[in-house]
Amino acid sequence: YGLDNKINLEDPGIYLENKKLASVGMRIRRNYS
């Protein structure tokens, strides 16, 4: 889309102009996410 975005892997998410657009949090159990 032409958006200059940045990934942060330490606090997992995606940022636009230093603001948080997306967040991710996962869990694994019995070989399923």
All heavy atoms as atom14 arrays in JSON, in Angstrom:
{
  "sequence": "YGLDNKINLEDPGIYLENKKLASVGMRIRRNYS",
  "atom14_mask": [
    [1, 1, 1, 1, 1, 1, 1, 1, 1, 1, 1, 1, 0, 0],
    [1, 1, 1, 1, 0, 0, 0, 0, 0, 0, 0, 0, 0, 0],
    [1, 1, 1, 1, 1, 1, 1, 1, 0, 0, 0, 0, 0, 0],
    [1, 1, 1, 1, 1, 1, 1, 1, 0, 0, 0, 0, 0, 0],
    [1, 1, 1, 1, 1, 1, 1, 1, 0, 0, 0, 0, 0, 0],
    [1, 1, 1, 1, 1, 1, 1, 1, 1, 0, 0, 0, 0, 0],
    [1, 1, 1, 1, 1, 1, 1, 1, 0, 0, 0, 0, 0, 0],
    [1, 1, 1, 1, 1, 1, 1, 1, 0, 0, 0, 0, 0, 0],
    [1, 1, 1, 1, 1, 1, 1, 1, 0, 0, 0, 0, 0, 0],
    [1, 1, 1, 1, 1, 1, 1, 1, 1, 0, 0, 0, 0, 0],
    [1, 1, 1, 1, 1, 1, 1, 1, 0, 0, 0, 0, 0, 0],
    [1, 1, 1, 1, 1, 1, 1, 0, 0, 0, 0, 0, 0, 0],
    [1, 1, 1, 1, 0, 0, 0, 0, 0, 0, 0, 0, 0, 0],
    [1, 1, 1, 1, 1, 1, 1, 1, 0, 0, 0, 0, 0, 0],
    [1, 1, 1, 1, 1, 1, 1, 1, 1, 1, 1, 1, 0, 0],
    [1, 1, 1, 1, 1, 1, 1, 1, 0, 0, 0, 0, 0, 0],
    [1, 1, 1, 1, 1, 1, 1, 1, 1, 0, 0, 0, 0, 0],
    [1, 1, 1, 1, 1, 1, 1, 1, 0, 0, 0, 0, 0, 0],
    [1, 1, 1, 1, 1, 1, 1, 1, 1, 0, 0, 0, 0, 0],
    [1, 1, 1, 1, 1, 1, 1, 1, 1, 0, 0, 0, 0, 0],
    [1, 1, 1, 1, 1, 1, 1, 1, 0, 0, 0, 0, 0, 0],
    [1, 1, 1, 1, 1, 0, 0, 0, 0, 0, 0, 0, 0, 0],
    [1, 1, 1, 1, 1, 1, 0, 0, 0, 0, 0, 0, 0, 0],
    [1, 1, 1, 1, 1, 1, 1, 0, 0, 0, 0, 0, 0, 0],
    [1, 1, 1, 1, 0, 0, 0, 0, 0, 0, 0, 0, 0, 0],
    [1, 1, 1, 1, 1, 1, 1, 1, 0, 0, 0, 0, 0, 0],
    [1, 1, 1, 1, 1, 1, 1, 1, 1, 1, 1, 0, 0, 0],
    [1, 1, 1, 1, 1, 1, 1, 1, 0, 0, 0, 0, 0, 0],
    [1, 1, 1, 1, 1, 1, 1, 1, 1, 1, 1, 0, 0, 0],
    [1, 1, 1, 1, 1, 1, 1, 1, 1, 1, 1, 0, 0, 0],
    [1, 1, 1, 1, 1, 1, 1, 1, 0, 0, 0, 0, 0, 0],
    [1, 1, 1, 1, 1, 1, 1, 1, 1, 1, 1, 1, 0, 0],
    [1, 1, 1, 1, 1, 1, 0, 0, 0, 0, 0, 0, 0, 0]
  ],
  "atom14_positions": [
    [[0.82, -1.21, 0.0], [0.0, 0.0, 0.0], [0.86, 1.27, 0.0], [0.33, 2.38, 0.05], [-0.91, 0.04, 1.23], [-1.83, -1.13, 1.4], [-2.18, -1.59, 2.68], [-2.39, -1.8, 0.3], [-3.04, -2.66, 2.85], [-3.24, -2.89, 0.47], [-3.56, -3.3, 1.75], [-4.42, -4.37, 1.93], [0.0, 0.0, 0.0], [0.0, 0.0, 0.0]],
    [[2.17, 1.09, -0.01], [3.08, 2.24, 0.01], [3.31, 2.82, 1.4], [3.72, 3.97, 1.53], [0.0, 0.0, 0.0], [0.0, 0.0, 0.0], [0.0, 0.0, 0.0], [0.0, 0.0, 0.0], [0.0, 0.0, 0.0], [0.0, 0.0, 0.0], [0.0, 0.0, 0.0], [0.0, 0.0, 0.0], [0.0, 0.0, 0.0], [0.0, 0.0, 0.0]],
    [[3.06, 2.02, 2.44], [3.21, 2.49, 3.81], [4.58, 2.13, 4.37], [4.98, 0.96, 4.35], [2.12, 1.89, 4.69], [0.71, 2.43, 4.47], [-0.29, 1.59, 5.26], [0.61, 3.89, 4.88], [0.0, 0.0, 0.0], [0.0, 0.0, 0.0], [0.0, 0.0, 0.0], [0.0, 0.0, 0.0], [0.0, 0.0, 0.0], [0.0, 0.0, 0.0]],
    [[5.28, 3.1, 4.89], [6.57, 2.88, 5.52], [6.34, 2.41, 6.96], [6.12, 3.21, 7.86], [7.39, 4.17, 5.51], [8.78, 3.99, 6.09], [9.22, 2.83, 6.21], [9.41, 5.01, 6.45], [0.0, 0.0, 0.0], [0.0, 0.0, 0.0], [0.0, 0.0, 0.0], [0.0, 0.0, 0.0], [0.0, 0.0, 0.0], [0.0, 0.0, 0.0]],
    [[6.32, 1.1, 7.15], [6.03, 0.53, 8.46], [7.24, -0.19, 9.03], [8.14, -0.58, 8.28], [4.84, -0.43, 8.35], [5.15, -1.65, 7.51], [5.55, -2.7, 8.03], [4.98, -1.54, 6.18], [0.0, 0.0, 0.0], [0.0, 0.0, 0.0], [0.0, 0.0, 0.0], [0.0, 0.0, 0.0], [0.0, 0.0, 0.0], [0.0, 0.0, 0.0]],
    [[7.24, -0.35, 10.33], [8.37, -1.01, 10.99], [7.88, -2.12, 11.9], [6.88, -1.96, 12.61], [9.19, 0.0, 11.79], [9.96, 0.99, 10.92], [10.8, 1.93, 11.75], [11.75, 2.75, 10.86], [11.07, 3.41, 9.75], [0.0, 0.0, 0.0], [0.0, 0.0, 0.0], [0.0, 0.0, 0.0], [0.0, 0.0, 0.0], [0.0, 0.0, 0.0]],
    [[8.61, -3.25, 11.87], [8.32, -4.39, 12.75], [9.16, -4.26, 14.01], [10.35, -3.96, 13.95], [8.65, -5.72, 12.04], [7.71, -5.95, 10.85], [8.57, -6.9, 13.01], [8.08, -7.16, 10.01], [0.0, 0.0, 0.0], [0.0, 0.0, 0.0], [0.0, 0.0, 0.0], [0.0, 0.0, 0.0], [0.0, 0.0, 0.0], [0.0, 0.0, 0.0]],
    [[8.53, -4.5, 15.15], [9.24, -4.6, 16.42], [9.07, -6.02, 16.92], [7.96, -6.45, 17.22], [8.66, -3.6, 17.44], [9.44, -3.58, 18.74], [10.06, -4.56, 19.13], [9.39, -2.44, 19.42], [0.0, 0.0, 0.0], [0.0, 0.0, 0.0], [0.0, 0.0, 0.0], [0.0, 0.0, 0.0], [0.0, 0.0, 0.0], [0.0, 0.0, 0.0]],
    [[10.17, -6.77, 17.02], [10.1, -8.16, 17.47], [10.25, -8.3, 18.98], [9.89, -9.34, 19.53], [11.18, -8.99, 16.76], [10.96, -9.23, 15.26], [12.15, -9.97, 14.67], [9.68, -9.99, 15.01], [0.0, 0.0, 0.0], [0.0, 0.0, 0.0], [0.0, 0.0, 0.0], [0.0, 0.0, 0.0], [0.0, 0.0, 0.0], [0.0, 0.0, 0.0]],
    [[10.78, -7.27, 19.65], [10.94, -7.35, 21.09], [9.59, -7.23, 21.79], [9.31, -7.94, 22.76], [11.9, -6.26, 21.57], [13.34, -6.49, 21.09], [14.29, -5.44, 21.64], [13.86, -4.59, 22.45], [15.48, -5.49, 21.27], [0.0, 0.0, 0.0], [0.0, 0.0, 0.0], [0.0, 0.0, 0.0], [0.0, 0.0, 0.0], [0.0, 0.0, 0.0]],
    [[8.77, -6.3, 21.34], [7.38, -6.17, 21.8], [6.54, -6.31, 20.54], [6.18, -5.31, 19.92], [7.15, -4.82, 22.47], [7.94, -4.69, 23.76], [7.54, -5.31, 24.76], [8.95, -3.97, 23.76], [0.0, 0.0, 0.0], [0.0, 0.0, 0.0], [0.0, 0.0, 0.0], [0.0, 0.0, 0.0], [0.0, 0.0, 0.0], [0.0, 0.0, 0.0]],
    [[6.23, -7.54, 20.15], [5.82, -7.83, 18.78], [4.65, -6.99, 18.28], [3.58, -6.94, 18.88], [5.44, -9.31, 18.85], [6.26, -9.86, 19.97], [6.29, -8.75, 20.98], [0.0, 0.0, 0.0], [0.0, 0.0, 0.0], [0.0, 0.0, 0.0], [0.0, 0.0, 0.0], [0.0, 0.0, 0.0], [0.0, 0.0, 0.0], [0.0, 0.0, 0.0]],
    [[4.92, -6.3, 17.16], [3.91, -5.47, 16.55], [4.45, -4.73, 15.35], [5.62, -4.89, 14.97], [0.0, 0.0, 0.0], [0.0, 0.0, 0.0], [0.0, 0.0, 0.0], [0.0, 0.0, 0.0], [0.0, 0.0, 0.0], [0.0, 0.0, 0.0], [0.0, 0.0, 0.0], [0.0, 0.0, 0.0], [0.0, 0.0, 0.0], [0.0, 0.0, 0.0]],
    [[3.59, -3.91, 14.75], [3.94, -3.1, 13.59], [3.61, -1.65, 13.89], [2.53, -1.34, 14.43], [3.21, -3.59, 12.33], [3.7, -4.99, 11.96], [3.42, -2.63, 11.16], [3.01, -5.6, 10.77], [0.0, 0.0, 0.0], [0.0, 0.0, 0.0], [0.0, 0.0, 0.0], [0.0, 0.0, 0.0], [0.0, 0.0, 0.0], [0.0, 0.0, 0.0]],
    [[4.52, -0.77, 13.5], [4.4, 0.64, 13.81], [4.38, 1.5, 12.54], [5.07, 1.19, 11.56], [5.58, 1.09, 14.68], [5.54, 0.48, 16.07], [5.93, -0.84, 16.27], [5.1, 1.22, 17.15], [5.89, -1.39, 17.54], [5.07, 0.67, 18.43], [5.46, -0.64, 18.62], [5.4, -1.2, 19.85], [0.0, 0.0, 0.0], [0.0, 0.0, 0.0]],
    [[3.57, 2.57, 12.58], [3.58, 3.61, 11.57], [3.9, 4.92, 12.27], [3.18, 5.31, 13.21], [2.22, 3.73, 10.88], [1.73, 2.53, 10.06], [0.32, 2.81, 9.54], [2.67, 2.24, 8.9], [0.0, 0.0, 0.0], [0.0, 0.0, 0.0], [0.0, 0.0, 0.0], [0.0, 0.0, 0.0], [0.0, 0.0, 0.0], [0.0, 0.0, 0.0]],
    [[4.98, 5.57, 11.87], [5.38, 6.84, 12.47], [5.43, 6.75, 14.0], [4.94, 7.61, 14.73], [4.43, 7.97, 12.04], [4.45, 8.2, 10.52], [3.48, 9.28, 10.08], [2.65, 9.72, 10.92], [3.54, 9.69, 8.91], [0.0, 0.0, 0.0], [0.0, 0.0, 0.0], [0.0, 0.0, 0.0], [0.0, 0.0, 0.0], [0.0, 0.0, 0.0]],
    [[6.02, 5.65, 14.49], [6.21, 5.41, 15.92], [4.9, 5.23, 16.69], [4.88, 5.32, 17.93], [7.04, 6.52, 16.56], [8.45, 6.57, 16.01], [9.1, 5.55, 15.84], [8.93, 7.78, 15.7], [0.0, 0.0, 0.0], [0.0, 0.0, 0.0], [0.0, 0.0, 0.0], [0.0, 0.0, 0.0], [0.0, 0.0, 0.0], [0.0, 0.0, 0.0]],
    [[3.81, 4.97, 15.99], [2.54, 4.63, 16.63], [2.2, 3.19, 16.31], [2.5, 2.7, 15.2], [1.43, 5.56, 16.16], [1.62, 7.01, 16.58], [0.46, 7.88, 16.13], [0.65, 9.32, 16.59], [-0.48, 10.18, 16.16], [0.0, 0.0, 0.0], [0.0, 0.0, 0.0], [0.0, 0.0, 0.0], [0.0, 0.0, 0.0], [0.0, 0.0, 0.0]],
    [[1.56, 2.51, 17.25], [1.33, 1.08, 17.08], [0.06, 0.82, 16.29], [-1.04, 1.21, 16.69], [1.27, 0.37, 18.43], [1.4, -1.15, 18.29], [1.88, -1.81, 19.55], [2.31, -3.25, 19.28], [2.78, -3.94, 20.49], [0.0, 0.0, 0.0], [0.0, 0.0, 0.0], [0.0, 0.0, 0.0], [0.0, 0.0, 0.0], [0.0, 0.0, 0.0]],
    [[0.22, 0.12, 15.17], [-0.9, -0.22, 14.31], [-1.39, -1.64, 14.55], [-2.6, -1.9, 14.53], [-0.48, -0.09, 12.84], [-1.52, -0.51, 11.8], [-2.65, 0.51, 11.76], [-0.89, -0.67, 10.43], [0.0, 0.0, 0.0], [0.0, 0.0, 0.0], [0.0, 0.0, 0.0], [0.0, 0.0, 0.0], [0.0, 0.0, 0.0], [0.0, 0.0, 0.0]],
    [[-0.47, -2.57, 14.77], [-0.83, -3.99, 14.9], [-0.05, -4.62, 16.04], [1.09, -4.24, 16.32], [-0.54, -4.73, 13.6], [0.0, 0.0, 0.0], [0.0, 0.0, 0.0], [0.0, 0.0, 0.0], [0.0, 0.0, 0.0], [0.0, 0.0, 0.0], [0.0, 0.0, 0.0], [0.0, 0.0, 0.0], [0.0, 0.0, 0.0], [0.0, 0.0, 0.0]],
    [[-0.69, -5.58, 16.69], [-0.07, -6.31, 17.8], [-0.25, -7.8, 17.57], [-1.24, -8.23, 16.96], [-0.73, -5.93, 19.14], [-0.63, -4.57, 19.4], [0.0, 0.0, 0.0], [0.0, 0.0, 0.0], [0.0, 0.0, 0.0], [0.0, 0.0, 0.0], [0.0, 0.0, 0.0], [0.0, 0.0, 0.0], [0.0, 0.0, 0.0], [0.0, 0.0, 0.0]],
    [[0.68, -8.59, 18.07], [0.56, -10.04, 17.96], [0.95, -10.68, 19.28], [1.89, -10.25, 19.95], [1.42, -10.6, 16.79], [2.89, -10.34, 17.0], [1.14, -12.07, 16.56], [0.0, 0.0, 0.0], [0.0, 0.0, 0.0], [0.0, 0.0, 0.0], [0.0, 0.0, 0.0], [0.0, 0.0, 0.0], [0.0, 0.0, 0.0], [0.0, 0.0, 0.0]],
    [[0.18, -11.68, 19.67], [0.49, -12.47, 20.86], [0.0, -13.89, 20.62], [-1.13, -14.1, 20.21], [0.0, 0.0, 0.0], [0.0, 0.0, 0.0], [0.0, 0.0, 0.0], [0.0, 0.0, 0.0], [0.0, 0.0, 0.0], [0.0, 0.0, 0.0], [0.0, 0.0, 0.0], [0.0, 0.0, 0.0], [0.0, 0.0, 0.0], [0.0, 0.0, 0.0]],
    [[0.87, -14.86, 20.84], [0.55, -16.25, 20.51], [0.69, -17.14, 21.75], [1.28, -16.77, 22.76], [1.48, -16.77, 19.41], [1.47, -15.96, 18.12], [-0.13, -15.93, 17.28], [-0.38, -17.68, 16.96], [0.0, 0.0, 0.0], [0.0, 0.0, 0.0], [0.0, 0.0, 0.0], [0.0, 0.0, 0.0], [0.0, 0.0, 0.0], [0.0, 0.0, 0.0]],
    [[0.19, -18.33, 21.6], [0.34, -19.39, 22.61], [0.42, -20.72, 21.86], [-0.21, -20.89, 20.8], [-0.87, -19.41, 23.55], [-0.82, -20.43, 24.66], [0.02, -19.96, 25.82], [-0.05, -20.86, 26.97], [0.57, -20.65, 28.1], [1.3, -19.56, 28.28], [0.46, -21.51, 29.1], [0.0, 0.0, 0.0], [0.0, 0.0, 0.0], [0.0, 0.0, 0.0]],
    [[1.18, -21.66, 22.39], [1.29, -22.99, 21.79], [0.88, -24.03, 22.82], [1.31, -23.98, 23.97], [2.73, -23.26, 21.29], [3.07, -22.32, 20.14], [2.88, -24.73, 20.86], [4.51, -22.43, 19.68], [0.0, 0.0, 0.0], [0.0, 0.0, 0.0], [0.0, 0.0, 0.0], [0.0, 0.0, 0.0], [0.0, 0.0, 0.0], [0.0, 0.0, 0.0]],
    [[0.04, -24.96, 22.38], [-0.4, -26.06, 23.23], [-0.61, -27.29, 22.37], [-1.26, -27.23, 21.33], [-1.68, -25.69, 23.98], [-2.23, -26.83, 24.82], [-3.36, -26.37, 25.73], [-4.02, -27.5, 26.38], [-3.54, -28.16, 27.42], [-2.38, -27.82, 27.93], [-4.2, -29.18, 27.95], [0.0, 0.0, 0.0], [0.0, 0.0, 0.0], [0.0, 0.0, 0.0]],
    [[-0.04, -28.41, 22.78], [-0.22, -29.7, 22.11], [0.11, -29.61, 20.62], [-0.58, -30.16, 19.78], [-1.64, -30.22, 22.33], [-2.01, -30.41, 23.8], [-3.37, -31.07, 23.96], [-3.34, -32.44, 23.46], [-4.43, -33.2, 23.35], [-5.62, -32.71, 23.69], [-4.33, -34.43, 22.9], [0.0, 0.0, 0.0], [0.0, 0.0, 0.0], [0.0, 0.0, 0.0]],
    [[1.17, -28.86, 20.32], [1.66, -28.69, 18.94], [0.72, -27.87, 18.06], [0.81, -27.92, 16.83], [1.94, -30.05, 18.28], [3.09, -30.78, 18.93], [4.16, -30.19, 19.14], [2.88, -32.04, 19.28], [0.0, 0.0, 0.0], [0.0, 0.0, 0.0], [0.0, 0.0, 0.0], [0.0, 0.0, 0.0], [0.0, 0.0, 0.0], [0.0, 0.0, 0.0]],
    [[-0.17, -27.1, 18.67], [-1.02, -26.17, 17.91], [-0.79, -24.76, 18.44], [-0.6, -24.54, 19.63], [-2.5, -26.52, 18.07], [-2.93, -27.68, 17.2], [-2.65, -28.98, 17.58], [-3.6, -27.47, 16.01], [-3.02, -30.06, 16.8], [-3.99, -28.53, 15.21], [-3.7, -29.82, 15.61], [-4.07, -30.87, 14.82], [0.0, 0.0, 0.0], [0.0, 0.0, 0.0]],
    [[-0.83, -23.8, 17.52], [-0.82, -22.39, 17.92], [-2.25, -21.91, 18.12], [-3.2, -22.47, 17.56], [-0.14, -21.54, 16.85], [-0.92, -21.54, 15.65], [0.0, 0.0, 0.0], [0.0, 0.0, 0.0], [0.0, 0.0, 0.0], [0.0, 0.0, 0.0], [0.0, 0.0, 0.0], [0.0, 0.0, 0.0], [0.0, 0.0, 0.0], [0.0, 0.0, 0.0]]
  ]
}
